[in-house]
Amino acid sequence: MKLKVPTVQAKVTLLPELSQGRLLTTGQYRPHIVMGPQSQRVAIREGNAYMEKLLGVMFVGGPDTLAPGESGQVTLALMYFPEYQYDEVTPGATFTLREGSKIVGYGAILTRSDLP
């Protein structure tokens, strides 16, 4: 039996300065989110160490693609649940979308669907 994970609905916007859009095909795009202000544009570091908590997510619903500067409503699977509870991922919380240390977008959590 396959373990199911919680999902969230979020509004995501890609940064307009990106050189290309992102293919969000269900289950293929697996970036991280970092909870915090949407205005952040650089990762927080102390020396060579990143001081932020990267939360792994998988796009499982929404538009097939987003171009730079475009927004869309998406469904994100909280893919490391239950090993990590994602307690900070709650409706109204904001985040930046990351590919490694590179910030490629930002968003806000709209709803969360937890398992019974």
PDB file of N, CA and C in Angstrom:
ATOM      1  N   MET A   1       0.837  -1.175   0.000  1.00  0.00           N
ATOM      2  CA  MET A   1       0.000   0.000   0.000  1.00  0.00           C
ATOM      3  C   MET A   1       0.886   1.244   0.000  1.00  0.00           C
ATOM      4  N   LYS A   2       0.603   2.167  -0.909  1.00  0.00           N
ATOM      5  CA  LYS A   2       1.394   3.377  -1.045  1.00  0.00           C
ATOM      6  C   LYS A   2       0.937   4.430  -0.034  1.00  0.00           C
ATOM      7  N   LEU A   3       1.895   5.031   0.669  1.00  0.00           N
ATOM      8  CA  LEU A   3       1.601   6.071   1.651  1.00  0.00           C
ATOM      9  C   LEU A   3       1.237   7.358   0.929  1.00  0.00           C
ATOM     10  N   LYS A   4       0.132   7.963   1.333  1.00  0.00           N
ATOM     11  CA  LYS A   4      -0.268   9.252   0.772  1.00  0.00           C
ATOM     12  C   LYS A   4       0.324  10.367   1.624  1.00  0.00           C
ATOM     13  N   VAL A   5       0.494  11.521   1.009  1.00  0.00           N
ATOM     14  CA  VAL A   5       1.059  12.671   1.724  1.00  0.00           C
ATOM     15  C   VAL A   5       0.089  13.842   1.630  1.00  0.00           C
ATOM     16  N   PRO A   6       0.179  14.784   2.574  1.00  0.00           N
ATOM     17  CA  PRO A   6      -0.657  15.980   2.502  1.00  0.00           C
ATOM     18  C   PRO A   6      -0.322  16.803   1.255  1.00  0.00           C
ATOM     19  N   THR A   7      -1.293  17.584   0.827  1.00  0.00           N
ATOM     20  CA  THR A   7      -1.086  18.503  -0.286  1.00  0.00           C
ATOM     21  C   THR A   7      -1.529  19.900   0.135  1.00  0.00           C
ATOM     22  N   VAL A   8      -1.017  20.885  -0.577  1.00  0.00           N
ATOM     23  CA  VAL A   8      -1.445  22.261  -0.378  1.00  0.00           C
ATOM     24  C   VAL A   8      -1.808  22.868  -1.725  1.00  0.00           C
ATOM     25  N   GLN A   9      -2.759  23.785  -1.691  1.00  0.00           N
ATOM     26  CA  GLN A   9      -3.038  24.638  -2.838  1.00  0.00           C
ATOM     27  C   GLN A   9      -2.248  25.912  -2.597  1.00  0.00           C
ATOM     28  N   ALA A  10      -1.564  26.387  -3.618  1.00  0.00           N
ATOM     29  CA  ALA A  10      -0.753  27.593  -3.479  1.00  0.00           C
ATOM     30  C   ALA A  10      -0.841  28.421  -4.747  1.00  0.00           C
ATOM     31  N   LYS A  11      -0.657  29.708  -4.590  1.00  0.00           N
ATOM     32  CA  LYS A  11      -0.494  30.588  -5.746  1.00  0.00           C
ATOM     33  C   LYS A  11       0.996  30.833  -5.881  1.00  0.00           C
ATOM     34  N   VAL A  12       1.530  30.549  -7.057  1.00  0.00           N
ATOM     35  CA  VAL A  12       2.967  30.660  -7.318  1.00  0.00           C
ATOM     36  C   VAL A  12       3.194  31.633  -8.466  1.00  0.00           C
ATOM     37  N   THR A  13       4.226  32.477  -8.331  1.00  0.00           N
ATOM     38  CA  THR A  13       4.637  33.399  -9.385  1.00  0.00           C
ATOM     39  C   THR A  13       6.113  33.168  -9.667  1.00  0.00           C
ATOM     40  N   LEU A  14       6.462  32.986 -10.946  1.00  0.00           N
ATOM     41  CA  LEU A  14       7.879  32.897 -11.317  1.00  0.00           C
ATOM     42  C   LEU A  14       8.448  34.302 -11.441  1.00  0.00           C
ATOM     43  N   LEU A  15       9.709  34.462 -11.086  1.00  0.00           N
ATOM     44  CA  LEU A  15      10.354  35.771 -11.195  1.00  0.00           C
ATOM     45  C   LEU A  15      10.420  36.203 -12.660  1.00  0.00           C
ATOM     46  N   PRO A  16      10.118  37.460 -12.949  1.00  0.00           N
ATOM     47  CA  PRO A  16      10.124  37.925 -14.338  1.00  0.00           C
ATOM     48  C   PRO A  16      11.511  37.933 -14.971  1.00  0.00           C
ATOM     49  N   GLU A  17      12.557  37.995 -14.151  1.00  0.00           N
ATOM     50  CA  GLU A  17      13.915  38.064 -14.713  1.00  0.00           C
ATOM     51  C   GLU A  17      14.499  36.697 -15.097  1.00  0.00           C
ATOM     52  N   LEU A  18      13.750  35.622 -14.903  1.00  0.00           N
ATOM     53  CA  LEU A  18      14.244  34.306 -15.310  1.00  0.00           C
ATOM     54  C   LEU A  18      14.424  34.268 -16.822  1.00  0.00           C
ATOM     55  N   SER A  19      15.430  33.531 -17.288  1.00  0.00           N
ATOM     56  CA  SER A  19      15.676  33.449 -18.723  1.00  0.00           C
ATOM     57  C   SER A  19      14.700  32.507 -19.423  1.00  0.00           C
ATOM     58  N   GLN A  20      14.091  31.607 -18.664  1.00  0.00           N
ATOM     59  CA  GLN A  20      13.125  30.681 -19.260  1.00  0.00           C
ATOM     60  C   GLN A  20      12.083  30.289 -18.230  1.00  0.00           C
ATOM     61  N   GLY A  21      10.963  29.794 -18.742  1.00  0.00           N
ATOM     62  CA  GLY A  21       9.895  29.341 -17.869  1.00  0.00           C
ATOM     63  C   GLY A  21      10.229  27.984 -17.263  1.00  0.00           C
ATOM     64  N   ARG A  22       9.246  27.423 -16.593  1.00  0.00           N
ATOM     65  CA  ARG A  22       9.425  26.120 -15.951  1.00  0.00           C
ATOM     66  C   ARG A  22       8.317  25.183 -16.395  1.00  0.00           C
ATOM     67  N   LEU A  23       8.701  23.944 -16.690  1.00  0.00           N
ATOM     68  CA  LEU A  23       7.761  22.889 -17.026  1.00  0.00           C
ATOM     69  C   LEU A  23       7.275  22.297 -15.714  1.00  0.00           C
ATOM     70  N   LEU A  24       6.002  22.424 -15.420  1.00  0.00           N
ATOM     71  CA  LEU A  24       5.454  22.001 -14.141  1.00  0.00           C
ATOM     72  C   LEU A  24       4.702  20.681 -14.245  1.00  0.00           C
ATOM     73  N   THR A  25       4.929  19.931 -15.314  1.00  0.00           N
ATOM     74  CA  THR A  25       4.196  18.698 -15.529  1.00  0.00           C
ATOM     75  C   THR A  25       4.109  17.890 -14.247  1.00  0.00           C
ATOM     76  N   THR A  26       2.921  17.424 -13.964  1.00  0.00           N
ATOM     77  CA  THR A  26       2.624  16.705 -12.734  1.00  0.00           C
ATOM     78  C   THR A  26       3.688  15.661 -12.409  1.00  0.00           C
ATOM     79  N   GLY A  27       4.286  15.808 -11.226  1.00  0.00           N
ATOM     80  CA  GLY A  27       5.258  14.839 -10.741  1.00  0.00           C
ATOM     81  C   GLY A  27       6.667  14.997 -11.271  1.00  0.00           C
ATOM     82  N   GLN A  28       6.891  15.946 -12.178  1.00  0.00           N
ATOM     83  CA  GLN A  28       8.220  16.108 -12.754  1.00  0.00           C
ATOM     84  C   GLN A  28       9.016  17.241 -12.108  1.00  0.00           C
ATOM     85  N   TYR A  29       8.333  18.291 -11.683  1.00  0.00           N
ATOM     86  CA  TYR A  29       9.028  19.449 -11.110  1.00  0.00           C
ATOM     87  C   TYR A  29       9.035  19.288  -9.599  1.00  0.00           C
ATOM     88  N   ARG A  30      10.234  19.193  -9.024  1.00  0.00           N
ATOM     89  CA  ARG A  30      10.404  18.943  -7.591  1.00  0.00           C
ATOM     90  C   ARG A  30      11.399  19.925  -6.968  1.00  0.00           C
ATOM     91  N   PRO A  31      10.982  21.170  -6.832  1.00  0.00           N
ATOM     92  CA  PRO A  31      11.844  22.172  -6.204  1.00  0.00           C
ATOM     93  C   PRO A  31      11.694  22.125  -4.689  1.00  0.00           C
ATOM     94  N   HIS A  32      12.193  23.143  -4.040  1.00  0.00           N
ATOM     95  CA  HIS A  32      12.001  23.333  -2.601  1.00  0.00           C
ATOM     96  C   HIS A  32      11.246  24.635  -2.391  1.00  0.00           C
ATOM     97  N   ILE A  33      10.625  24.743  -1.223  1.00  0.00           N
ATOM     98  CA  ILE A  33      10.091  26.022  -0.787  1.00  0.00           C
ATOM     99  C   ILE A  33      10.793  26.372   0.522  1.00  0.00           C
ATOM    100  N   VAL A  34      10.951  27.673   0.747  1.00  0.00           N
ATOM    101  CA  VAL A  34      11.494  28.185   2.000  1.00  0.00           C
ATOM    102  C   VAL A  34      10.468  29.174   2.527  1.00  0.00           C
ATOM    103  N   MET A  35       9.924  28.884   3.682  1.00  0.00           N
ATOM    104  CA  MET A  35       8.895  29.738   4.263  1.00  0.00           C
ATOM    105  C   MET A  35       9.525  31.067   4.673  1.00  0.00           C
ATOM    106  N   GLY A  36       8.847  32.156   4.342  1.00  0.00           N
ATOM    107  CA  GLY A  36       9.344  33.481   4.663  1.00  0.00           C
ATOM    108  C   GLY A  36       8.802  34.508   3.698  1.00  0.00           C
ATOM    109  N   PRO A  37       9.386  35.706   3.709  1.00  0.00           N
ATOM    110  CA  PRO A  37       8.859  36.800   2.888  1.00  0.00           C
ATOM    111  C   PRO A  37       9.012  36.535   1.391  1.00  0.00           C
ATOM    112  N   GLN A  38       7.977  36.896   0.643  1.00  0.00           N
ATOM    113  CA  GLN A  38       8.004  36.719  -0.810  1.00  0.00           C
ATOM    114  C   GLN A  38       9.005  37.642  -1.487  1.00  0.00           C
ATOM    115  N   SER A  39       9.418  38.693  -0.825  1.00  0.00           N
ATOM    116  CA  SER A  39      10.330  39.673  -1.416  1.00  0.00           C
ATOM    117  C   SER A  39      11.793  39.233  -1.395  1.00  0.00           C
ATOM    118  N   GLN A  40      12.104  38.156  -0.708  1.00  0.00           N
ATOM    119  CA  GLN A  40      13.493  37.698  -0.609  1.00  0.00           C
ATOM    120  C   GLN A  40      14.005  37.263  -1.981  1.00  0.00           C
ATOM    121  N   ARG A  41      15.215  37.649  -2.344  1.00  0.00           N
ATOM    122  CA  ARG A  41      15.772  37.301  -3.655  1.00  0.00           C
ATOM    123  C   ARG A  41      17.134  36.619  -3.585  1.00  0.00           C
ATOM    124  N   VAL A  42      17.713  36.496  -2.383  1.00  0.00           N
ATOM    125  CA  VAL A  42      18.969  35.759  -2.232  1.00  0.00           C
ATOM    126  C   VAL A  42      18.849  34.851  -1.017  1.00  0.00           C
ATOM    127  N   ALA A  43      19.523  33.708  -1.104  1.00  0.00           N
ATOM    128  CA  ALA A  43      19.524  32.762   0.009  1.00  0.00           C
ATOM    129  C   ALA A  43      20.308  33.343   1.184  1.00  0.00           C
ATOM    130  N   ILE A  44      19.889  33.015   2.390  1.00  0.00           N
ATOM    131  CA  ILE A  44      20.570  33.489   3.596  1.00  0.00           C
ATOM    132  C   ILE A  44      21.692  32.513   3.927  1.00  0.00           C
ATOM    133  N   ARG A  45      22.914  33.043   3.988  1.00  0.00           N
ATOM    134  CA  ARG A  45      24.087  32.215   4.248  1.00  0.00           C
ATOM    135  C   ARG A  45      24.874  32.766   5.415  1.00  0.00           C
ATOM    136  N   GLU A  46      25.567  31.870   6.070  1.00  0.00           N
ATOM    137  CA  GLU A  46      26.548  32.252   7.087  1.00  0.00           C
ATOM    138  C   GLU A  46      27.821  31.524   6.682  1.00  0.00           C
ATOM    139  N   GLY A  47      28.747  32.281   6.073  1.00  0.00           N
ATOM    140  CA  GLY A  47      29.917  31.644   5.480  1.00  0.00           C
ATOM    141  C   GLY A  47      29.470  30.813   4.290  1.00  0.00           C
ATOM    142  N   ASN A  48      29.843  29.554   4.279  1.00  0.00           N
ATOM    143  CA  ASN A  48      29.447  28.657   3.192  1.00  0.00           C
ATOM    144  C   ASN A  48      28.183  27.867   3.499  1.00  0.00           C
ATOM    145  N   ALA A  49      27.613  28.056   4.690  1.00  0.00           N
ATOM    146  CA  ALA A  49      26.440  27.286   5.111  1.00  0.00           C
ATOM    147  C   ALA A  49      25.158  28.079   4.863  1.00  0.00           C
ATOM    148  N   TYR A  50      24.179  27.419   4.285  1.00  0.00           N
ATOM    149  CA  TYR A  50      22.863  28.026   4.104  1.00  0.00           C
ATOM    150  C   TYR A  50      22.091  27.896   5.401  1.00  0.00           C
ATOM    151  N   MET A  51      21.436  28.969   5.817  1.00  0.00           N
ATOM    152  CA  MET A  51      20.787  29.028   7.119  1.00  0.00           C
ATOM    153  C   MET A  51      19.266  28.853   7.029  1.00  0.00           C
ATOM    154  N   GLU A  52      18.779  28.375   5.913  1.00  0.00           N
ATOM    155  CA  GLU A  52      17.345  28.245   5.704  1.00  0.00           C
ATOM    156  C   GLU A  52      16.939  26.779   5.644  1.00  0.00           C
ATOM    157  N   LYS A  53      15.683  26.530   5.941  1.00  0.00           N
ATOM    158  CA  LYS A  53      15.156  25.170   5.883  1.00  0.00           C
ATOM    159  C   LYS A  53      14.480  24.961   4.527  1.00  0.00           C
ATOM    160  N   LEU A  54      15.094  24.108   3.702  1.00  0.00           N
ATOM    161  CA  LEU A  54      14.526  23.780   2.400  1.00  0.00           C
ATOM    162  C   LEU A  54      13.506  22.670   2.578  1.00  0.00           C
ATOM    163  N   LEU A  55      12.286  22.893   2.110  1.00  0.00           N
ATOM    164  CA  LEU A  55      11.208  21.922   2.232  1.00  0.00           C
ATOM    165  C   LEU A  55      10.888  21.355   0.849  1.00  0.00           C
ATOM    166  N   GLY A  56      11.111  20.071   0.675  1.00  0.00           N
ATOM    167  CA  GLY A  56      10.872  19.430  -0.612  1.00  0.00           C
ATOM    168  C   GLY A  56       9.398  19.325  -0.939  1.00  0.00           C
ATOM    169  N   VAL A  57       9.044  19.739  -2.159  1.00  0.00           N
ATOM    170  CA  VAL A  57       7.670  19.634  -2.647  1.00  0.00           C
ATOM    171  C   VAL A  57       7.687  19.074  -4.067  1.00  0.00           C
ATOM    172  N   MET A  58       6.542  18.572  -4.489  1.00  0.00           N
ATOM    173  CA  MET A  58       6.383  18.085  -5.857  1.00  0.00           C
ATOM    174  C   MET A  58       5.107  18.704  -6.426  1.00  0.00           C
ATOM    175  N   PHE A  59       5.201  19.290  -7.613  1.00  0.00           N
ATOM    176  CA  PHE A  59       4.030  19.852  -8.277  1.00  0.00           C
ATOM    177  C   PHE A  59       3.183  18.697  -8.795  1.00  0.00           C
ATOM    178  N   VAL A  60       1.940  18.618  -8.329  1.00  0.00           N
ATOM    179  CA  VAL A  60       1.059  17.517  -8.739  1.00  0.00           C
ATOM    180  C   VAL A  60      -0.248  18.024  -9.359  1.00  0.00           C
ATOM    181  N   GLY A  61      -0.375  19.317  -9.537  1.00  0.00           N
ATOM    182  CA  GLY A  61      -1.557  19.888 -10.174  1.00  0.00           C
ATOM    183  C   GLY A  61      -1.328  21.332 -10.509  1.00  0.00           C
ATOM    184  N   GLY A  62      -2.039  21.811 -11.526  1.00  0.00           N
ATOM    185  CA  GLY A  62      -1.917  23.199 -11.948  1.00  0.00           C
ATOM    186  C   GLY A  62      -1.609  23.269 -13.429  1.00  0.00           C
ATOM    187  N   PRO A  63      -1.185  24.426 -13.901  1.00  0.00           N
ATOM    188  CA  PRO A  63      -0.868  24.568 -15.323  1.00  0.00           C
ATOM    189  C   PRO A  63       0.344  23.709 -15.698  1.00  0.00           C
ATOM    190  N   ASP A  64       0.433  23.338 -16.978  1.00  0.00           N
ATOM    191  CA  ASP A  64       1.575  22.528 -17.434  1.00  0.00           C
ATOM    192  C   ASP A  64       2.880  23.306 -17.395  1.00  0.00           C
ATOM    193  N   THR A  65       2.804  24.603 -17.683  1.00  0.00           N
ATOM    194  CA  THR A  65       4.008  25.438 -17.695  1.00  0.00           C
ATOM    195  C   THR A  65       3.682  26.814 -17.137  1.00  0.00           C
ATOM    196  N   LEU A  66       4.735  27.492 -16.678  1.00  0.00           N
ATOM    197  CA  LEU A  66       4.654  28.902 -16.307  1.00  0.00           C
ATOM    198  C   LEU A  66       5.831  29.606 -16.965  1.00  0.00           C
ATOM    199  N   ALA A  67       5.562  30.762 -17.552  1.00  0.00           N
ATOM    200  CA  ALA A  67       6.616  31.579 -18.144  1.00  0.00           C
ATOM    201  C   ALA A  67       7.108  32.581 -17.100  1.00  0.00           C
ATOM    202  N   PRO A  68       8.294  33.151 -17.291  1.00  0.00           N
ATOM    203  CA  PRO A  68       8.774  34.172 -16.360  1.00  0.00           C
ATOM    204  C   PRO A  68       7.742  35.277 -16.174  1.00  0.00           C
ATOM    205  N   GLY A  69       7.476  35.626 -14.905  1.00  0.00           N
ATOM    206  CA  GLY A  69       6.512  36.654 -14.577  1.00  0.00           C
ATOM    207  C   GLY A  69       5.080  36.167 -14.460  1.00  0.00           C
ATOM    208  N   GLU A  70       4.796  34.942 -14.869  1.00  0.00           N
ATOM    209  CA  GLU A  70       3.435  34.403 -14.791  1.00  0.00           C
ATOM    210  C   GLU A  70       3.133  33.817 -13.418  1.00  0.00           C
ATOM    211  N   SER A  71       1.840  33.819 -13.086  1.00  0.00           N
ATOM    212  CA  SER A  71       1.349  33.234 -11.840  1.00  0.00           C
ATOM    213  C   SER A  71       0.365  32.120 -12.159  1.00  0.00           C
ATOM    214  N   GLY A  72       0.227  31.202 -11.224  1.00  0.00           N
ATOM    215  CA  GLY A  72      -0.757  30.144 -11.382  1.00  0.00           C
ATOM    216  C   GLY A  72      -1.064  29.498 -10.055  1.00  0.00           C
ATOM    217  N   GLN A  73      -2.244  28.897  -9.977  1.00  0.00           N
ATOM    218  CA  GLN A  73      -2.608  28.142  -8.784  1.00  0.00           C
ATOM    219  C   GLN A  73      -2.171  26.706  -9.002  1.00  0.00           C
ATOM    220  N   VAL A  74      -1.459  26.164  -8.018  1.00  0.00           N
ATOM    221  CA  VAL A  74      -0.874  24.833  -8.138  1.00  0.00           C
ATOM    222  C   VAL A  74      -1.206  23.988  -6.913  1.00  0.00           C
ATOM    223  N   THR A  75      -1.053  22.698  -7.083  1.00  0.00           N
ATOM    224  CA  THR A  75      -1.150  21.770  -5.961  1.00  0.00           C
ATOM    225  C   THR A  75       0.238  21.211  -5.724  1.00  0.00           C
ATOM    226  N   LEU A  76       0.698  21.299  -4.482  1.00  0.00           N
ATOM    227  CA  LEU A  76       2.021  20.809  -4.104  1.00  0.00           C
ATOM    228  C   LEU A  76       1.863  19.648  -3.135  1.00  0.00           C
ATOM    229  N   ALA A  77       2.549  18.548  -3.408  1.00  0.00           N
ATOM    230  CA  ALA A  77       2.598  17.426  -2.468  1.00  0.00           C
ATOM    231  C   ALA A  77       3.747  17.672  -1.506  1.00  0.00           C
ATOM    232  N   LEU A  78       3.501  17.473  -0.221  1.00  0.00           N
ATOM    233  CA  LEU A  78       4.531  17.618   0.810  1.00  0.00           C
ATOM    234  C   LEU A  78       5.239  16.276   0.915  1.00  0.00           C
ATOM    235  N   MET A  79       6.176  16.055   0.012  1.00  0.00           N
ATOM    236  CA  MET A  79       6.678  14.722  -0.310  1.00  0.00           C
ATOM    237  C   MET A  79       7.524  14.031   0.750  1.00  0.00           C
ATOM    238  N   TYR A  80       7.991  14.716   1.759  1.00  0.00           N
ATOM    239  CA  TYR A  80       8.781  14.035   2.788  1.00  0.00           C
ATOM    240  C   TYR A  80       7.983  13.756   4.065  1.00  0.00           C
ATOM    241  N   PHE A  81       6.663  13.918   4.002  1.00  0.00           N
ATOM    242  CA  PHE A  81       5.782  13.559   5.094  1.00  0.00           C
ATOM    243  C   PHE A  81       5.710  12.029   5.159  1.00  0.00           C
ATOM    244  N   PRO A  82       5.713  11.371   6.282  1.00  0.00           N
ATOM    245  CA  PRO A  82       5.609  11.871   7.639  1.00  0.00           C
ATOM    246  C   PRO A  82       6.957  12.083   8.327  1.00  0.00           C
ATOM    247  N   GLU A  83       8.083  11.805   7.633  1.00  0.00           N
ATOM    248  CA  GLU A  83       9.384  12.020   8.268  1.00  0.00           C
ATOM    249  C   GLU A  83       9.545  13.468   8.690  1.00  0.00           C
ATOM    250  N   TYR A  84       9.006  14.377   7.891  1.00  0.00           N
ATOM    251  CA  TYR A  84       8.985  15.786   8.245  1.00  0.00           C
ATOM    252  C   TYR A  84       7.533  16.230   8.206  1.00  0.00           C
ATOM    253  N   GLN A  85       7.065  16.923   9.223  1.00  0.00           N
ATOM    254  CA  GLN A  85       5.644  17.254   9.350  1.00  0.00           C
ATOM    255  C   GLN A  85       5.198  18.498   8.582  1.00  0.00           C
ATOM    256  N   TYR A  86       6.117  19.346   8.135  1.00  0.00           N
ATOM    257  CA  TYR A  86       5.763  20.566   7.399  1.00  0.00           C
ATOM    258  C   TYR A  86       4.826  21.457   8.230  1.00  0.00           C
ATOM    259  N   ASP A  87       5.075  21.562   9.522  1.00  0.00           N
ATOM    260  CA  ASP A  87       4.199  22.332  10.412  1.00  0.00           C
ATOM    261  C   ASP A  87       4.062  23.795  10.008  1.00  0.00           C
ATOM    262  N   GLU A  88       5.104  24.370   9.425  1.00  0.00           N
ATOM    263  CA  GLU A  88       5.079  25.782   9.065  1.00  0.00           C
ATOM    264  C   GLU A  88       4.328  26.059   7.759  1.00  0.00           C
ATOM    265  N   VAL A  89       3.942  25.006   7.044  1.00  0.00           N
ATOM    266  CA  VAL A  89       3.236  25.150   5.771  1.00  0.00           C
ATOM    267  C   VAL A  89       1.734  25.201   6.067  1.00  0.00           C
ATOM    268  N   THR A  90       1.231  26.418   6.299  1.00  0.00           N
ATOM    269  CA  THR A  90      -0.155  26.635   6.717  1.00  0.00           C
ATOM    270  C   THR A  90      -0.800  27.698   5.831  1.00  0.00           C
ATOM    271  N   PRO A  91      -2.125  27.683   5.712  1.00  0.00           N
ATOM    272  CA  PRO A  91      -2.799  28.710   4.910  1.00  0.00           C
ATOM    273  C   PRO A  91      -2.402  30.119   5.360  1.00  0.00           C
ATOM    274  N   GLY A  92      -2.085  30.948   4.373  1.00  0.00           N
ATOM    275  CA  GLY A  92      -1.662  32.323   4.632  1.00  0.00           C
ATOM    276  C   GLY A  92      -0.157  32.497   4.690  1.00  0.00           C
ATOM    277  N   ALA A  93       0.587  31.417   4.894  1.00  0.00           N
ATOM    278  CA  ALA A  93       2.052  31.507   4.949  1.00  0.00           C
ATOM    279  C   ALA A  93       2.609  31.776   3.550  1.00  0.00           C
ATOM    280  N   THR A  94       3.713  32.534   3.501  1.00  0.00           N
ATOM    281  CA  THR A  94       4.354  32.850   2.228  1.00  0.00           C
ATOM    282  C   THR A  94       5.709  32.168   2.139  1.00  0.00           C
ATOM    283  N   PHE A  95       6.207  32.033   0.910  1.00  0.00           N
ATOM    284  CA  PHE A  95       7.453  31.299   0.682  1.00  0.00           C
ATOM    285  C   PHE A  95       8.134  31.776  -0.587  1.00  0.00           C
ATOM    286  N   THR A  96       9.400  31.382  -0.713  1.00  0.00           N
ATOM    287  CA  THR A  96      10.104  31.518  -1.981  1.00  0.00           C
ATOM    288  C   THR A  96      10.295  30.121  -2.550  1.00  0.00           C
ATOM    289  N   LEU A  97      10.303  30.045  -3.869  1.00  0.00           N
ATOM    290  CA  LEU A  97      10.472  28.790  -4.603  1.00  0.00           C
ATOM    291  C   LEU A  97      11.937  28.675  -4.992  1.00  0.00           C
ATOM    292  N   ARG A  98      12.559  27.544  -4.672  1.00  0.00           N
ATOM    293  CA  ARG A  98      14.005  27.393  -4.857  1.00  0.00           C
ATOM    294  C   ARG A  98      14.367  26.225  -5.766  1.00  0.00           C
ATOM    295  N   GLU A  99      15.430  26.424  -6.499  1.00  0.00           N
ATOM    296  CA  GLU A  99      16.134  25.356  -7.205  1.00  0.00           C
ATOM    297  C   GLU A  99      17.543  25.404  -6.644  1.00  0.00           C
ATOM    298  N   GLY A 100      17.798  24.576  -5.647  1.00  0.00           N
ATOM    299  CA  GLY A 100      19.035  24.687  -4.890  1.00  0.00           C
ATOM    300  C   GLY A 100      19.003  26.009  -4.143  1.00  0.00           C
ATOM    301  N   SER A 101      20.066  26.795  -4.246  1.00  0.00           N
ATOM    302  CA  SER A 101      20.077  28.092  -3.563  1.00  0.00           C
ATOM    303  C   SER A 101      19.464  29.201  -4.416  1.00  0.00           C
ATOM    304  N   LYS A 102      19.141  28.900  -5.658  1.00  0.00           N
ATOM    305  CA  LYS A 102      18.591  29.911  -6.573  1.00  0.00           C
ATOM    306  C   LYS A 102      17.096  30.106  -6.333  1.00  0.00           C
ATOM    307  N   ILE A 103      16.693  31.359  -6.102  1.00  0.00           N
ATOM    308  CA  ILE A 103      15.284  31.701  -5.931  1.00  0.00           C
ATOM    309  C   ILE A 103      14.695  31.953  -7.319  1.00  0.00           C
ATOM    310  N   VAL A 104      13.673  31.162  -7.680  1.00  0.00           N
ATOM    311  CA  VAL A 104      13.073  31.262  -9.011  1.00  0.00           C
ATOM    312  C   VAL A 104      11.641  31.792  -8.979  1.00  0.00           C
ATOM    313  N   GLY A 105      11.073  31.916  -7.783  1.00  0.00           N
ATOM    314  CA  GLY A 105       9.704  32.402  -7.679  1.00  0.00           C
ATOM    315  C   GLY A 105       9.296  32.570  -6.228  1.00  0.00           C
ATOM    316  N   TYR A 106       8.037  32.863  -6.050  1.00  0.00           N
ATOM    317  CA  TYR A 106       7.500  33.052  -4.701  1.00  0.00           C
ATOM    318  C   TYR A 106       6.030  32.665  -4.712  1.00  0.00           C
ATOM    319  N   GLY A 107       5.461  32.528  -3.523  1.00  0.00           N
ATOM    320  CA  GLY A 107       4.059  32.145  -3.466  1.00  0.00           C
ATOM    321  C   GLY A 107       3.469  32.253  -2.082  1.00  0.00           C
ATOM    322  N   ALA A 108       2.213  31.820  -2.004  1.00  0.00           N
ATOM    323  CA  ALA A 108       1.472  31.827  -0.750  1.00  0.00           C
ATOM    324  C   ALA A 108       0.624  30.559  -0.682  1.00  0.00           C
ATOM    325  N   ILE A 109       0.551  29.979   0.505  1.00  0.00           N
ATOM    326  CA  ILE A 109      -0.265  28.796   0.741  1.00  0.00           C
ATOM    327  C   ILE A 109      -1.722  29.243   0.862  1.00  0.00           C
ATOM    328  N   LEU A 110      -2.598  28.616   0.089  1.00  0.00           N
ATOM    329  CA  LEU A 110      -4.024  28.946   0.121  1.00  0.00           C
ATOM    330  C   LEU A 110      -4.780  27.998   1.044  1.00  0.00           C
ATOM    331  N   THR A 111      -4.568  26.699   0.878  1.00  0.00           N
ATOM    332  CA  THR A 111      -5.229  25.684   1.696  1.00  0.00           C
ATOM    333  C   THR A 111      -4.286  24.517   1.896  1.00  0.00           C
ATOM    334  N   ARG A 112      -4.573  23.711   2.920  1.00  0.00           N
ATOM    335  CA  ARG A 112      -3.800  22.495   3.186  1.00  0.00           C
ATOM    336  C   ARG A 112      -4.767  21.353   3.424  1.00  0.00           C
ATOM    337  N   SER A 113      -4.505  20.221   2.781  1.00  0.00           N
ATOM    338  CA  SER A 113      -5.334  19.022   2.953  1.00  0.00           C
ATOM    339  C   SER A 113      -4.497  17.949   3.632  1.00  0.00           C
ATOM    340  N   ASP A 114      -4.741  17.764   4.927  1.00  0.00           N
ATOM    341  CA  ASP A 114      -4.015  16.739   5.667  1.00  0.00           C
ATOM    342  C   ASP A 114      -4.767  15.416   5.587  1.00  0.00           C
ATOM    343  N   LEU A 115      -4.059  14.372   5.890  1.00  0.00           N
ATOM    344  CA  LEU A 115      -4.649  13.041   5.889  1.00  0.00           C
ATOM    345  C   LEU A 115      -5.390  12.807   7.200  1.00  0.00           C
ATOM    346  N   PRO A 116      -6.436  11.974   7.178  1.00  0.00           N
ATOM    347  CA  PRO A 116      -7.156  11.683   8.423  1.00  0.00           C
ATOM    348  C   PRO A 116      -6.309  10.935   9.412  1.00  0.00           C
TER     349      PRO A 116
END
